[in-house]
Amino acid sequence: MPVVASFVAMIGIAQATDTLEGSFALCGTGKRITCVVDGDTFWLEGTKIRIADIDAPEISEPACQAERRAGEVARERLLQLLNAGPFSLVAGDRDQDRYGRKLRIVLRQNASLGETLVREGLARHWKSPRVSWCR
């Protein structure tokens, strides 16, 4: 059973309805309303969302230039995925992280957009061992 399907079954959600969408851009220095920060964080209508099932390379404080470049690719891909059509947000066992970001699985037709990033090598599963993006 795919990771998301087992997660959705575990938390008792039969089907998520794809009703959310926005016109996403890359976040800049101004007010953040609906934009993509990096490969695992975005703003939707003024709410900061952290994709709960993945970890993407850092852009703002990378350990090396390779991580920054990988983070920029992940950010661009997340931008494409979010702009590709309606999606849904599913909460897990925690509503938000220590930074106040809402923790959500992002689904489209019950498939995780985070899992798409993992399959494409642009992110890792959240509970995976922390391995450096600097190689």
C-alpha atoms as a PDB file:
ATOM      1  CA  MET A   1       0.000   0.000   0.000  1.00  0.00           C
ATOM      2  CA  PRO A   2       1.531   3.389  -0.927  1.00  0.00           C
ATOM      3  CA  VAL A   3       2.641   5.595   1.957  1.00  0.00           C
ATOM      4  CA  VAL A   4      -0.140   8.153   1.485  1.00  0.00           C
ATOM      5  CA  ALA A   5      -2.870   5.542   1.107  1.00  0.00           C
ATOM      6  CA  SER A   6      -1.781   3.894   4.360  1.00  0.00           C
ATOM      7  CA  PHE A   7      -1.530   7.313   6.067  1.00  0.00           C
ATOM      8  CA  VAL A   8      -5.007   8.300   4.879  1.00  0.00           C
ATOM      9  CA  ALA A   9      -6.413   4.954   6.039  1.00  0.00           C
ATOM     10  CA  MET A  10      -4.610   5.267   9.378  1.00  0.00           C
ATOM     11  CA  ILE A  11      -6.161   8.637  10.190  1.00  0.00           C
ATOM     12  CA  GLY A  12      -9.584   7.533   9.020  1.00  0.00           C
ATOM     13  CA  ILE A  13     -10.085   9.665   5.941  1.00  0.00           C
ATOM     14  CA  ALA A  14     -11.885   7.842   3.175  1.00  0.00           C
ATOM     15  CA  GLN A  15     -11.489  10.385   0.422  1.00  0.00           C
ATOM     16  CA  ALA A  16     -10.176  13.930   0.254  1.00  0.00           C
ATOM     17  CA  THR A  17     -12.023  16.409  -1.947  1.00  0.00           C
ATOM     18  CA  ASP A  18      -9.796  18.582  -4.138  1.00  0.00           C
ATOM     19  CA  THR A  19     -11.364  21.998  -3.601  1.00  0.00           C
ATOM     20  CA  LEU A  20      -8.374  24.270  -2.992  1.00  0.00           C
ATOM     21  CA  GLU A  21      -6.446  26.086  -5.652  1.00  0.00           C
ATOM     22  CA  GLY A  22      -4.640  29.316  -6.144  1.00  0.00           C
ATOM     23  CA  SER A  23      -2.453  31.197  -8.524  1.00  0.00           C
ATOM     24  CA  PHE A  24       0.912  30.537  -6.898  1.00  0.00           C
ATOM     25  CA  ALA A  25       4.084  32.539  -7.508  1.00  0.00           C
ATOM     26  CA  LEU A  26       7.476  32.328  -5.832  1.00  0.00           C
ATOM     27  CA  CYS A  27       7.487  34.229  -2.541  1.00  0.00           C
ATOM     28  CA  GLY A  28       9.413  37.480  -2.553  1.00  0.00           C
ATOM     29  CA  THR A  29      10.226  39.962   0.164  1.00  0.00           C
ATOM     30  CA  GLY A  30       6.737  41.484   0.332  1.00  0.00           C
ATOM     31  CA  LYS A  31       3.618  40.255   2.073  1.00  0.00           C
ATOM     32  CA  ARG A  32       3.082  36.544   1.522  1.00  0.00           C
ATOM     33  CA  ILE A  33      -0.453  35.559   0.557  1.00  0.00           C
ATOM     34  CA  THR A  34      -0.367  32.662  -1.947  1.00  0.00           C
ATOM     35  CA  CYS A  35       3.191  31.735  -2.879  1.00  0.00           C
ATOM     36  CA  VAL A  36       5.876  29.048  -2.635  1.00  0.00           C
ATOM     37  CA  VAL A  37       8.733  29.536  -0.139  1.00  0.00           C
ATOM     38  CA  ASP A  38      10.740  26.397  -0.881  1.00  0.00           C
ATOM     39  CA  GLY A  39      10.240  22.737  -1.773  1.00  0.00           C
ATOM     40  CA  ASP A  40       8.205  21.924   1.338  1.00  0.00           C
ATOM     41  CA  THR A  41       6.656  25.234   2.447  1.00  0.00           C
ATOM     42  CA  PHE A  42       4.082  27.523   0.864  1.00  0.00           C
ATOM     43  CA  TRP A  43       1.502  30.163   1.732  1.00  0.00           C
ATOM     44  CA  LEU A  44      -2.158  29.724   0.814  1.00  0.00           C
ATOM     45  CA  GLU A  45      -4.419  32.741   1.307  1.00  0.00           C
ATOM     46  CA  GLY A  46      -2.211  34.073   4.108  1.00  0.00           C
ATOM     47  CA  THR A  47      -1.721  30.749   5.928  1.00  0.00           C
ATOM     48  CA  LYS A  48       1.760  29.199   6.011  1.00  0.00           C
ATOM     49  CA  ILE A  49       1.698  25.477   5.177  1.00  0.00           C
ATOM     50  CA  ARG A  50       4.522  22.980   5.782  1.00  0.00           C
ATOM     51  CA  ILE A  51       4.125  19.799   3.739  1.00  0.00           C
ATOM     52  CA  ALA A  52       4.035  17.223   6.526  1.00  0.00           C
ATOM     53  CA  ASP A  53       5.237  14.100   4.731  1.00  0.00           C
ATOM     54  CA  ILE A  54       8.488  15.385   3.188  1.00  0.00           C
ATOM     55  CA  ASP A  55      11.695  17.299   3.789  1.00  0.00           C
ATOM     56  CA  ALA A  56      13.160  19.283   0.882  1.00  0.00           C
ATOM     57  CA  PRO A  57      16.608  20.876   0.545  1.00  0.00           C
ATOM     58  CA  GLU A  58      17.061  24.279   2.162  1.00  0.00           C
ATOM     59  CA  ILE A  59      17.283  27.495   0.185  1.00  0.00           C
ATOM     60  CA  SER A  60      17.509  30.164   2.885  1.00  0.00           C
ATOM     61  CA  GLU A  61      20.248  28.534   4.991  1.00  0.00           C
ATOM     62  CA  PRO A  62      21.725  25.689   2.929  1.00  0.00           C
ATOM     63  CA  ALA A  63      24.755  23.745   4.106  1.00  0.00           C
ATOM     64  CA  CYS A  64      26.347  24.090   0.646  1.00  0.00           C
ATOM     65  CA  GLN A  65      25.697  25.382  -2.862  1.00  0.00           C
ATOM     66  CA  ALA A  66      24.563  21.921  -4.022  1.00  0.00           C
ATOM     67  CA  GLU A  67      21.791  22.014  -1.416  1.00  0.00           C
ATOM     68  CA  ARG A  68      20.758  25.525  -2.496  1.00  0.00           C
ATOM     69  CA  ARG A  69      20.574  24.435  -6.159  1.00  0.00           C
ATOM     70  CA  ALA A  70      18.575  21.308  -5.251  1.00  0.00           C
ATOM     71  CA  GLY A  71      16.270  23.463  -3.126  1.00  0.00           C
ATOM     72  CA  GLU A  72      15.647  25.851  -5.999  1.00  0.00           C
ATOM     73  CA  VAL A  73      14.711  22.942  -8.292  1.00  0.00           C
ATOM     74  CA  ALA A  74      12.373  21.516  -5.615  1.00  0.00           C
ATOM     75  CA  ARG A  75      10.767  24.945  -5.126  1.00  0.00           C
ATOM     76  CA  GLU A  76      10.131  25.338  -8.875  1.00  0.00           C
ATOM     77  CA  ARG A  77       8.622  21.856  -9.068  1.00  0.00           C
ATOM     78  CA  LEU A  78       6.334  22.481  -6.082  1.00  0.00           C
ATOM     79  CA  LEU A  79       5.213  25.695  -7.787  1.00  0.00           C
ATOM     80  CA  GLN A  80       4.317  23.691 -10.919  1.00  0.00           C
ATOM     81  CA  LEU A  81       2.484  21.033  -8.910  1.00  0.00           C
ATOM     82  CA  LEU A  82       0.418  23.515  -6.901  1.00  0.00           C
ATOM     83  CA  ASN A  83      -0.548  25.450 -10.033  1.00  0.00           C
ATOM     84  CA  ALA A  84      -1.545  22.279 -11.919  1.00  0.00           C
ATOM     85  CA  GLY A  85      -5.086  22.216 -10.496  1.00  0.00           C
ATOM     86  CA  PRO A  86      -7.256  21.767  -7.406  1.00  0.00           C
ATOM     87  CA  PHE A  87      -5.824  19.973  -4.380  1.00  0.00           C
ATOM     88  CA  SER A  88      -6.754  19.191  -0.796  1.00  0.00           C
ATOM     89  CA  LEU A  89      -4.953  19.573   2.524  1.00  0.00           C
ATOM     90  CA  VAL A  90      -5.142  16.817   5.124  1.00  0.00           C
ATOM     91  CA  ALA A  91      -4.044  17.295   8.738  1.00  0.00           C
ATOM     92  CA  GLY A  92      -2.185  14.542  10.532  1.00  0.00           C
ATOM     93  CA  ASP A  93      -1.661  13.968  14.238  1.00  0.00           C
ATOM     94  CA  ARG A  94      -0.210  17.485  14.797  1.00  0.00           C
ATOM     95  CA  ASP A  95      -1.884  20.661  13.584  1.00  0.00           C
ATOM     96  CA  GLN A  96       1.248  22.805  13.423  1.00  0.00           C
ATOM     97  CA  ASP A  97       4.994  22.730  13.955  1.00  0.00           C
ATOM     98  CA  ARG A  98       7.091  24.709  16.435  1.00  0.00           C
ATOM     99  CA  TYR A  99       7.295  27.602  13.955  1.00  0.00           C
ATOM    100  CA  GLY A 100       3.508  27.931  13.722  1.00  0.00           C
ATOM    101  CA  ARG A 101       3.265  26.471  10.220  1.00  0.00           C
ATOM    102  CA  LYS A 102       0.219  24.300   9.545  1.00  0.00           C
ATOM    103  CA  LEU A 103       1.347  20.712   8.936  1.00  0.00           C
ATOM    104  CA  ARG A 104      -0.583  19.225   6.023  1.00  0.00           C
ATOM    105  CA  ILE A 105      -0.387  16.425   3.487  1.00  0.00           C
ATOM    106  CA  VAL A 106      -1.115  17.944   0.059  1.00  0.00           C
ATOM    107  CA  LEU A 107      -3.235  15.649  -2.100  1.00  0.00           C
ATOM    108  CA  ARG A 108      -4.542  15.752  -5.631  1.00  0.00           C
ATOM    109  CA  GLN A 109      -6.899  12.912  -6.536  1.00  0.00           C
ATOM    110  CA  ASN A 110      -5.765  11.236  -3.286  1.00  0.00           C
ATOM    111  CA  ALA A 111      -2.106  11.195  -4.405  1.00  0.00           C
ATOM    112  CA  SER A 112       0.466  13.073  -2.319  1.00  0.00           C
ATOM    113  CA  LEU A 113       2.251  15.923  -4.063  1.00  0.00           C
ATOM    114  CA  GLY A 114       5.018  15.411  -1.498  1.00  0.00           C
ATOM    115  CA  GLU A 115       5.363  11.802  -2.621  1.00  0.00           C
ATOM    116  CA  THR A 116       5.701  13.072  -6.192  1.00  0.00           C
ATOM    117  CA  LEU A 117       8.641  15.233  -5.094  1.00  0.00           C
ATOM    118  CA  VAL A 118      10.208  12.228  -3.320  1.00  0.00           C
ATOM    119  CA  ARG A 119       9.805   9.996  -6.388  1.00  0.00           C
ATOM    120  CA  GLU A 120      11.445  12.684  -8.524  1.00  0.00           C
ATOM    121  CA  GLY A 121      14.414  12.897  -6.114  1.00  0.00           C
ATOM    122  CA  LEU A 122      13.570  16.464  -5.064  1.00  0.00           C
ATOM    123  CA  ALA A 123      12.626  15.683  -1.440  1.00  0.00           C
ATOM    124  CA  ARG A 124      12.859  12.903   1.151  1.00  0.00           C
ATOM    125  CA  HIS A 125      10.261  11.280   3.336  1.00  0.00           C
ATOM    126  CA  TRP A 126       9.978  13.214   6.579  1.00  0.00           C
ATOM    127  CA  LYS A 127      10.923  10.264   8.782  1.00  0.00           C
ATOM    128  CA  SER A 128      13.885   9.228   6.613  1.00  0.00           C
ATOM    129  CA  PRO A 129      17.334   9.429   8.169  1.00  0.00           C
ATOM    130  CA  ARG A 130      18.773  12.919   7.752  1.00  0.00           C
ATOM    131  CA  VAL A 131      21.396  12.644   5.035  1.00  0.00           C
ATOM    132  CA  SER A 132      23.190  15.705   3.742  1.00  0.00           C
ATOM    133  CA  TRP A 133      22.119  17.162   0.400  1.00  0.00           C
ATOM    134  CA  CYS A 134      25.795  18.171  -0.009  1.00  0.00           C
ATOM    135  CA  ARG A 135      27.538  15.521  -2.084  1.00  0.00           C
END
